Amino acid sequence: MLSISFVDVLAQKSPQFSQYMEYQSAINPAAVGIDELMSVGGVYRLQWVGFDDAPKNLFFSLNYPFRIGDTKHGVGLIFSSDDIGLFKNQSVLLQYSYKFSLPKTKGELSLGLNVGFINQKFDKDGVDLTGGDGELMEGDEYHQSTDPFIEGFTAEEYSDVTFDASFGCMYRSENYYIGLSALHLNAPKIDMGSEKYMMYVPRTYHLLGGYTFKTHNPEWTVTPSAQFKTDFSTWQADVTGLLEYSKRIRGGISYRFGDSFIFLFGIDIIQGLRLGYSYDLPTSKMIRSGGSHEVSLRYCFKPQFAKKNKYKSERIL
């Protein structure tokens, strides 16, 4: 009775990453170029391995910091692609951030904006109403060849493109950071061919923060972090602890409330080139799957475009 009483059904549209602390700009545009490093990298995630048509996420980002006079700015580009069952979601977003120095706190406040497009595709031809044998299963009360939702599509693959915008702010000091962002501010609508089949991307809010503790041995640091996200109908939270050695090797564990324990490992292959891996061990009913795997690779460096020195000799002149 409860399930049939709802007219609109909303699903999670934003990709989920266990290594959120490494890709803060994915959930908060204010993080673009906040550490004044140019970075390029990506994440590939296989969720709930062993289940047919389980989510697969591909994410790529490029960040570039720059100055205009005494002001600091950052620009970025995000591309993401998510395959979930018969749906394929893709987005391309441009990012911009502006930074304010706060001398009294010795920190920096950053404001950021995302603008771009979301494209969703539905593979109608992939819908199976027969159980795989070409005919409706005997006694099946749920699958019908005259399903109005299926008949409503006129193409084998239907897609729609819509505008998307997000906003975020972040404060960062030497030892800690905290940020708040609102993704999908305009709550985009995806037209699937009829008002009856309109899909909505819900506005979601993310709270992100972390702190770096220095130990008696300067080679070791401890970095706890957390994120909380909600669309005010449901919520999810991650709490993470990372131990890092010599600013090169790191490992730790996360807990995603009601969902999984996450084991993380990372290493700097060379200076600036970071490789990361995480494994999600489900604690919910999804434990029947093989868990989730996530691999990330990112290269960070400080851009330097110094002018060539010109030497003059009075003897030559």
Protein backbone atom coordinates (compact mmCIF):
# COMPACT_ATOMS: atom_id res chain seq x y z
CA MET A 1 0.00 0.00 0.00
CA LEU A 2 2.84 2.42 0.84
CA SER A 3 4.75 1.72 -2.38
CA ILE A 4 1.79 2.34 -4.70
CA SER A 5 0.76 5.52 -2.86
CA PHE A 6 3.76 7.49 -4.20
CA VAL A 7 3.43 9.31 -7.52
CA ASP A 8 7.10 10.36 -7.87
CA VAL A 9 10.03 8.08 -7.20
CA LEU A 10 13.54 9.56 -6.79
CA ALA A 11 16.83 7.69 -7.01
CA GLN A 12 20.41 8.64 -6.22
CA LYS A 13 21.97 10.46 -9.17
CA SER A 14 25.32 11.60 -7.75
CA PRO A 15 28.17 9.06 -8.02
CA GLN A 16 29.50 7.54 -4.82
CA PHE A 17 33.23 7.43 -4.11
CA SER A 18 35.00 5.88 -1.14
CA GLN A 19 38.12 8.00 -1.77
CA TYR A 20 36.18 11.24 -1.42
CA MET A 21 39.04 12.92 0.48
CA GLU A 22 41.25 12.61 -2.63
CA TYR A 23 38.67 14.09 -5.01
CA GLN A 24 37.04 16.85 -3.00
CA SER A 25 36.22 18.85 -6.15
CA ALA A 26 33.85 16.05 -7.18
CA ILE A 27 31.47 17.05 -4.38
CA ASN A 28 32.46 20.68 -3.81
CA PRO A 29 33.53 23.06 -6.63
CA ALA A 30 35.16 25.37 -4.06
CA ALA A 31 37.96 22.78 -3.75
CA VAL A 32 39.16 23.47 -7.31
CA GLY A 33 42.79 24.62 -7.10
CA ILE A 34 42.51 25.27 -3.37
CA ASP A 35 45.99 23.88 -2.66
CA GLU A 36 47.46 25.85 -5.60
CA LEU A 37 48.38 22.63 -7.40
CA MET A 38 47.44 21.64 -10.91
CA SER A 39 46.02 18.12 -10.92
CA VAL A 40 44.70 15.63 -13.43
CA GLY A 41 43.27 12.27 -12.44
CA GLY A 42 40.45 9.79 -12.49
CA VAL A 43 38.56 7.13 -10.57
CA TYR A 44 37.04 3.86 -11.73
CA ARG A 45 34.57 2.13 -9.41
CA LEU A 46 32.95 -1.32 -9.66
CA GLN A 47 30.09 -1.52 -7.18
CA TRP A 48 28.60 -4.75 -5.81
CA VAL A 49 30.74 -7.09 -7.89
CA GLY A 50 28.88 -10.28 -8.80
CA PHE A 51 25.48 -8.69 -9.38
CA ASP A 52 24.28 -8.36 -12.97
CA ASP A 53 24.04 -4.76 -14.20
CA ALA A 54 25.56 -3.41 -10.98
CA PRO A 55 26.73 0.24 -11.02
CA LYS A 56 30.00 1.11 -12.75
CA ASN A 57 31.40 4.64 -12.35
CA LEU A 58 34.09 6.45 -14.32
CA PHE A 59 35.20 9.90 -13.17
CA PHE A 60 37.82 12.27 -14.62
CA SER A 61 38.85 15.73 -13.40
CA LEU A 62 41.29 18.48 -14.31
CA ASN A 63 42.09 21.40 -11.95
CA TYR A 64 44.19 24.46 -12.66
CA PRO A 65 45.00 27.29 -10.19
CA PHE A 66 45.93 30.76 -11.40
CA ARG A 67 46.34 34.35 -10.20
CA ILE A 68 45.12 37.67 -11.49
CA GLY A 69 47.12 40.31 -9.69
CA ASP A 70 46.84 39.56 -5.98
CA THR A 71 43.69 37.44 -6.34
CA LYS A 72 43.59 33.64 -6.47
CA HIS A 73 41.35 31.62 -8.75
CA GLY A 74 40.85 28.05 -9.93
CA VAL A 75 39.23 26.44 -12.96
CA GLY A 76 38.40 22.82 -13.57
CA LEU A 77 36.68 20.29 -15.79
CA ILE A 78 34.76 17.20 -14.71
CA PHE A 79 33.56 14.27 -16.80
CA SER A 80 31.66 11.37 -15.25
CA SER A 81 29.90 8.32 -16.64
CA ASP A 82 27.73 5.92 -14.63
CA ASP A 83 26.20 2.67 -15.90
CA ILE A 84 23.35 1.43 -13.70
CA GLY A 85 21.20 -1.33 -15.16
CA LEU A 86 19.57 -0.05 -18.34
CA PHE A 87 20.46 3.55 -17.52
CA LYS A 88 23.62 5.44 -18.49
CA ASN A 89 24.25 8.82 -16.88
CA GLN A 90 26.94 11.15 -18.18
CA SER A 91 27.86 14.67 -17.15
CA VAL A 92 30.32 17.34 -18.27
CA LEU A 93 30.84 20.25 -15.86
CA LEU A 94 33.01 23.36 -15.90
CA GLN A 95 34.23 24.56 -12.50
CA TYR A 96 35.39 27.90 -11.15
CA SER A 97 36.54 29.00 -7.68
CA TYR A 98 37.57 32.29 -6.10
CA LYS A 99 39.69 32.43 -2.96
CA PHE A 100 39.81 34.98 -0.13
CA SER A 101 42.75 35.15 2.27
CA LEU A 102 41.77 35.56 5.94
CA PRO A 103 44.90 36.92 7.67
CA LYS A 104 43.41 36.87 11.16
CA THR A 105 42.77 33.13 10.98
CA LYS A 106 45.76 32.33 8.74
CA GLY A 107 43.35 30.45 6.51
CA GLU A 108 41.60 30.80 3.17
CA LEU A 109 37.95 30.87 2.17
CA SER A 110 37.00 29.59 -1.27
CA LEU A 111 33.72 29.89 -3.19
CA GLY A 112 33.04 27.69 -6.20
CA LEU A 113 30.52 27.05 -8.96
CA ASN A 114 29.77 24.14 -11.33
CA VAL A 115 27.87 24.59 -14.60
CA GLY A 116 27.34 22.00 -17.28
CA PHE A 117 25.08 19.31 -18.65
CA ILE A 118 23.73 15.91 -17.64
CA ASN A 119 22.81 13.31 -20.23
CA GLN A 120 20.76 10.23 -19.35
CA LYS A 121 20.11 7.31 -21.66
CA PHE A 122 17.62 4.49 -21.24
CA ASP A 123 18.05 1.28 -23.24
CA LYS A 124 14.49 0.27 -24.02
CA ASP A 125 15.66 -2.65 -26.14
CA GLY A 126 17.32 -4.13 -23.07
CA VAL A 127 14.04 -4.51 -21.17
CA ASP A 128 13.26 -8.20 -20.71
CA LEU A 129 9.59 -9.01 -20.07
CA THR A 130 9.95 -12.69 -20.85
CA GLY A 131 12.41 -14.16 -18.38
CA GLY A 132 14.80 -14.81 -21.27
CA ASP A 133 12.80 -17.40 -23.24
CA GLY A 134 10.88 -15.04 -25.55
CA GLU A 135 7.51 -15.51 -23.84
CA LEU A 136 5.94 -14.10 -20.72
CA MET A 137 6.49 -16.37 -17.75
CA GLU A 138 3.43 -18.34 -16.73
CA GLY A 139 1.80 -16.90 -13.66
CA ASP A 140 3.87 -13.70 -13.79
CA GLU A 141 1.73 -10.96 -12.26
CA TYR A 142 4.25 -8.15 -12.73
CA HIS A 143 5.54 -8.24 -16.34
CA GLN A 144 3.06 -7.40 -19.08
CA SER A 145 3.69 -6.93 -22.78
CA THR A 146 1.27 -3.98 -22.72
CA ASP A 147 3.14 -2.16 -19.93
CA PRO A 148 2.33 1.54 -20.65
CA PHE A 149 5.79 2.63 -19.48
CA ILE A 150 7.50 0.45 -22.09
CA GLU A 151 5.00 1.39 -24.82
CA GLY A 152 5.61 5.07 -24.07
CA PHE A 153 9.06 4.96 -25.66
CA THR A 154 9.29 5.20 -29.43
CA ALA A 155 13.04 4.55 -29.79
CA GLU A 156 15.17 1.58 -28.83
CA GLU A 157 17.41 3.91 -26.85
CA TYR A 158 16.04 7.12 -25.41
CA SER A 159 18.16 10.01 -24.09
CA ASP A 160 17.77 13.55 -22.84
CA VAL A 161 20.21 16.35 -21.99
CA THR A 162 19.57 18.91 -19.26
CA PHE A 163 21.41 21.83 -17.64
CA ASP A 164 22.97 21.39 -14.18
CA ALA A 165 24.49 23.84 -11.66
CA SER A 166 26.09 23.47 -8.22
CA PHE A 167 27.61 25.80 -5.61
CA GLY A 168 30.06 25.27 -2.75
CA CYS A 169 32.18 27.03 -0.14
CA MET A 170 35.24 25.74 1.71
CA TYR A 171 37.56 26.99 4.43
CA ARG A 172 41.09 25.62 4.64
CA SER A 173 43.92 26.27 7.09
CA GLU A 174 47.28 24.59 7.59
CA ASN A 175 45.85 21.65 9.56
CA TYR A 176 42.16 21.33 8.69
CA TYR A 177 39.45 22.02 6.12
CA ILE A 178 35.67 22.14 6.11
CA GLY A 179 33.27 22.64 3.22
CA LEU A 180 29.58 22.78 2.39
CA SER A 181 28.10 22.35 -1.08
CA ALA A 182 24.73 22.11 -2.79
CA LEU A 183 24.75 19.91 -5.91
CA HIS A 184 22.08 20.05 -8.63
CA LEU A 185 20.82 23.42 -7.39
CA ASN A 186 18.25 23.68 -10.18
CA ALA A 187 16.96 20.11 -9.53
CA PRO A 188 17.18 19.20 -13.26
CA LYS A 189 14.30 17.38 -14.94
CA ILE A 190 14.99 14.63 -17.46
CA ASP A 191 12.24 14.21 -20.05
CA MET A 192 11.80 10.52 -20.87
CA GLY A 193 9.18 11.14 -23.56
CA SER A 194 6.16 12.04 -21.47
CA GLU A 195 5.20 13.99 -18.36
CA LYS A 196 4.26 10.66 -16.80
CA TYR A 197 7.85 9.48 -17.14
CA MET A 198 9.68 12.64 -16.07
CA MET A 199 12.78 11.90 -13.98
CA TYR A 200 14.22 14.32 -11.44
CA VAL A 201 17.75 14.85 -10.19
CA PRO A 202 17.25 15.82 -6.53
CA ARG A 203 19.15 18.69 -4.94
CA THR A 204 21.73 17.22 -2.53
CA TYR A 205 23.83 18.83 0.19
CA HIS A 206 27.34 17.71 1.17
CA LEU A 207 29.25 18.55 4.34
CA LEU A 208 32.95 17.62 4.16
CA GLY A 209 35.81 18.06 6.62
CA GLY A 210 39.18 16.74 7.74
CA TYR A 211 42.07 17.40 10.17
CA THR A 212 45.77 16.52 10.06
CA PHE A 213 47.41 15.52 13.35
CA LYS A 214 51.19 15.53 13.62
CA THR A 215 52.77 12.85 15.80
CA HIS A 216 56.01 12.92 17.81
CA ASN A 217 57.66 11.36 14.77
CA PRO A 218 57.42 13.90 11.90
CA GLU A 219 57.40 11.02 9.39
CA TRP A 220 53.93 9.93 10.59
CA THR A 221 50.66 11.87 10.35
CA VAL A 222 47.07 10.92 11.19
CA THR A 223 44.26 12.39 9.09
CA PRO A 224 40.64 11.76 10.11
CA SER A 225 37.94 12.99 7.73
CA ALA A 226 34.19 12.72 7.29
CA GLN A 227 31.44 13.53 4.83
CA PHE A 228 27.68 13.80 5.25
CA LYS A 229 25.20 14.11 2.39
CA THR A 230 21.43 14.40 2.25
CA ASP A 231 18.55 15.38 -0.01
CA PHE A 232 16.32 15.78 3.08
CA SER A 233 14.52 12.54 2.29
CA THR A 234 17.47 10.26 3.03
CA TRP A 235 21.07 10.65 4.18
CA GLN A 236 24.48 8.97 4.13
CA ALA A 237 27.64 9.54 6.16
CA ASP A 238 31.26 8.33 5.96
CA VAL A 239 33.86 8.53 8.74
CA THR A 240 37.50 7.85 7.80
CA GLY A 241 40.87 7.54 9.50
CA LEU A 242 44.10 7.58 7.47
CA LEU A 243 47.67 6.99 8.63
CA GLU A 244 50.40 8.39 6.36
CA TYR A 245 54.14 7.70 6.38
CA SER A 246 56.71 10.07 4.93
CA LYS A 247 54.01 11.82 2.86
CA ARG A 248 54.22 8.86 0.49
CA ILE A 249 52.42 5.79 1.80
CA ARG A 250 48.98 5.88 3.40
CA GLY A 251 46.35 3.45 4.57
CA GLY A 252 43.22 3.46 6.67
CA ILE A 253 39.64 2.45 7.19
CA SER A 254 36.23 4.08 6.71
CA TYR A 255 32.78 3.26 7.91
CA ARG A 256 29.74 4.17 5.82
CA PHE A 257 26.80 4.10 8.19
CA GLY A 258 24.39 1.26 7.48
CA ASP A 259 26.31 0.21 4.39
CA SER A 260 29.93 -0.96 4.61
CA PHE A 261 33.43 -0.96 6.06
CA ILE A 262 35.97 0.43 3.62
CA PHE A 263 39.69 -0.39 3.50
CA LEU A 264 41.93 2.18 1.80
CA PHE A 265 45.51 2.13 0.56
CA GLY A 266 47.55 4.68 -1.37
CA ILE A 267 51.11 5.30 -2.49
CA ASP A 268 53.01 8.02 -4.34
CA ILE A 269 54.68 6.16 -7.20
CA ILE A 270 56.84 9.19 -7.92
CA GLN A 271 56.61 12.68 -6.53
CA GLY A 272 53.12 13.99 -7.30
CA LEU A 273 51.78 10.77 -8.85
CA ARG A 274 49.30 9.18 -6.42
CA LEU A 275 47.78 5.71 -6.81
CA GLY A 276 44.88 4.72 -4.59
CA TYR A 277 42.73 1.64 -4.01
CA SER A 278 39.75 0.96 -1.78
CA TYR A 279 37.58 -2.05 -1.08
CA ASP A 280 34.06 -1.80 0.33
CA LEU A 281 32.99 -4.73 2.51
CA PRO A 282 29.18 -4.50 2.75
CA THR A 283 27.50 -4.80 6.13
CA SER A 284 23.98 -4.58 4.68
CA LYS A 285 22.15 -7.20 2.60
CA MET A 286 24.56 -6.33 -0.21
CA ILE A 287 27.08 -8.55 1.59
CA ARG A 288 25.85 -11.23 -0.81
CA SER A 289 27.84 -9.41 -3.47
CA GLY A 290 31.62 -9.47 -3.82
CA GLY A 291 31.86 -5.95 -2.41
CA SER A 292 32.98 -2.86 -4.31
CA HIS A 293 36.40 -1.99 -5.79
CA GLU A 294 37.67 1.49 -6.53
CA VAL A 295 40.96 2.53 -8.19
CA SER A 296 42.21 6.10 -8.52
CA LEU A 297 45.22 7.72 -10.18
CA ARG A 298 46.09 11.41 -9.85
CA TYR A 299 49.06 13.58 -10.78
CA CYS A 300 49.61 16.88 -8.95
CA PHE A 301 52.25 19.52 -9.56
CA LYS A 302 52.77 23.24 -9.14
CA PRO A 303 52.48 24.99 -12.50
CA GLN A 304 55.43 27.21 -13.29
CA PHE A 305 55.54 29.32 -16.38
CA ALA A 306 58.65 31.37 -15.66
CA LYS A 307 59.90 33.77 -18.28
CA LYS A 308 63.19 32.95 -19.90
CA ASN A 309 66.06 34.99 -18.52
CA LYS A 310 67.54 37.46 -20.99
CA TYR A 311 71.15 38.45 -20.55
CA LYS A 312 72.66 41.59 -22.05
CA SER A 313 76.35 42.28 -22.53
CA GLU A 314 77.68 45.80 -22.80
CA ARG A 315 80.62 44.41 -24.77
CA ILE A 316 78.27 43.01 -27.43
CA LEU A 317 76.22 46.20 -27.50
